[in-house]
Protein backbone atom coordinates (compact mmCIF):
# COMPACT_ATOMS: atom_id res chain seq x y z
CA MET A 1 23.92 6.34 9.16
CA SER A 2 20.59 4.54 9.21
CA LYS A 3 17.52 5.91 10.92
CA VAL A 4 14.44 4.64 12.73
CA THR A 5 11.17 6.54 13.08
CA VAL A 6 8.68 6.40 15.94
CA THR A 7 5.26 8.03 15.59
CA LEU A 8 3.34 9.01 18.72
CA VAL A 9 -0.33 9.94 18.61
CA ILE A 10 -1.23 12.60 21.16
CA PRO A 11 -4.95 13.44 21.09
CA ASN A 12 -5.76 17.15 20.65
CA LEU A 13 -2.10 18.14 20.13
CA ALA A 14 -2.31 21.53 18.44
CA VAL A 15 0.51 22.65 16.17
CA GLU A 16 1.42 25.99 14.71
CA LYS A 17 2.43 25.78 11.06
CA LYS A 18 4.96 28.28 9.85
CA LEU A 19 5.36 29.60 6.33
CA PHE A 20 9.08 28.85 6.55
CA GLY A 21 10.37 26.32 9.02
CA ALA A 22 8.95 23.38 10.87
CA ALA A 23 5.64 23.22 12.71
CA LYS A 24 5.83 23.56 16.50
CA PRO A 25 3.41 22.87 19.36
CA LYS A 26 0.96 25.77 19.63
CA PRO A 27 1.94 27.98 22.61
CA GLY A 28 -0.66 28.01 25.39
CA GLU A 29 -2.36 24.87 24.02
CA SER A 30 0.34 22.25 23.63
CA GLU A 31 3.78 21.62 25.13
CA VAL A 32 6.08 18.77 24.18
CA ASP A 33 9.46 17.94 25.70
CA VAL A 34 11.58 15.23 24.03
CA LYS A 35 14.81 13.84 25.51
CA PHE A 36 17.03 11.49 23.52
CA ASP A 37 19.79 9.47 25.20
CA THR A 38 22.09 6.94 23.53
CA THR A 39 19.91 4.00 24.61
CA SER A 40 16.61 5.58 25.66
CA LEU A 41 14.09 8.30 24.96
CA GLU A 42 11.43 10.17 26.91
CA VAL A 43 8.52 12.33 25.76
CA ASN A 44 6.38 14.49 28.03
CA ALA A 45 3.42 16.39 26.61
CA ALA A 46 0.71 18.61 28.03
CA VAL A 47 -2.36 19.47 25.97
CA THR A 48 -4.87 22.09 27.09
CA LYS A 49 -8.35 22.09 25.60
CA LYS A 50 -11.33 24.02 26.98
CA GLY A 51 -9.35 24.92 30.09
CA LYS A 52 -8.50 21.30 30.93
CA THR A 53 -4.91 20.07 30.70
CA THR A 54 -4.15 16.44 29.90
CA LYS A 55 -0.59 15.17 30.41
CA TYR A 56 1.05 12.37 28.43
CA HIS A 57 4.25 10.51 29.25
CA TYR A 58 6.08 8.06 26.99
CA LYS A 59 9.38 6.55 28.08
CA VAL A 60 11.52 3.86 26.51
CA ASN A 61 14.12 2.73 29.03
CA LYS A 62 16.06 0.59 26.57
CA LEU A 63 16.09 0.99 22.81
CA PRO A 64 16.98 -2.09 20.71
CA GLY A 65 20.32 -0.43 19.85
CA GLU A 66 22.23 2.79 20.34
CA ILE A 67 21.31 6.12 18.77
CA ASP A 68 23.23 9.35 18.29
CA PRO A 69 21.20 12.07 20.07
CA ASP A 70 22.78 14.71 17.81
CA GLN A 71 21.32 12.92 14.77
CA CYS A 72 17.76 12.83 16.13
CA LYS A 73 14.94 15.16 15.18
CA VAL A 74 11.35 15.83 16.15
CA GLU A 75 8.54 16.82 13.77
CA TYR A 76 5.01 17.84 14.66
CA LYS A 77 1.71 17.39 12.86
CA LYS A 78 -1.81 17.76 14.22
CA GLU A 79 -2.11 15.15 17.02
CA ILE A 80 1.19 13.50 15.98
CA VAL A 81 4.81 13.68 17.14
CA ILE A 82 7.32 12.04 14.79
CA LEU A 83 10.69 11.06 16.28
CA THR A 84 13.46 10.27 13.80
CA MET A 85 16.50 8.75 15.46
CA GLY A 86 19.93 8.30 13.90
CA LYS A 87 21.24 4.83 14.75
CA THR A 88 24.95 4.37 15.49
CA ASP A 89 25.11 1.21 13.36
CA THR A 90 23.25 -0.31 10.44
CA THR A 91 21.90 -3.37 12.28
CA THR A 92 18.17 -3.76 11.77
CA TRP A 93 15.82 -3.34 14.73
CA ALA A 94 12.91 -5.03 12.92
CA VAL A 95 13.05 -8.33 14.80
CA LYS A 96 13.63 -6.67 18.16
CA MET A 97 10.74 -4.25 17.58
CA ARG A 98 8.20 -6.83 16.45
CA ASN A 99 6.28 -6.31 19.69
CA GLY A 100 7.03 -2.59 20.00
CA LEU A 101 9.64 -0.71 21.96
CA ASP A 102 10.71 -1.91 25.41
CA GLN A 103 8.88 0.20 27.92
CA ALA A 104 10.12 -1.68 30.97
CA PRO A 105 9.68 0.12 34.30
CA SER A 106 12.57 2.23 35.56
CA GLU A 107 15.10 0.46 37.74
């Protein structure tokens, strides 16, 4: 199965690194919710700094092809969320993604 990676920059996203295991958003400072569907994805984040919370929303209504939500994963780094999606076929998305992902408004 081939994969595609999307990197989102979220200013001030704080992560908690673990000795064993993957980094996670730092409780009380950062929350991230990621939802994968076969043809779409949605990310909601809330970052609190100096008592002020900033919310971020990223939604792709139609991916260039189908993904398998069970083969998707999320990784966190300081100010970065990395989405790795398992595609259901090996067709390249390069041409379709030349101008970025389709973020058309919801129907």
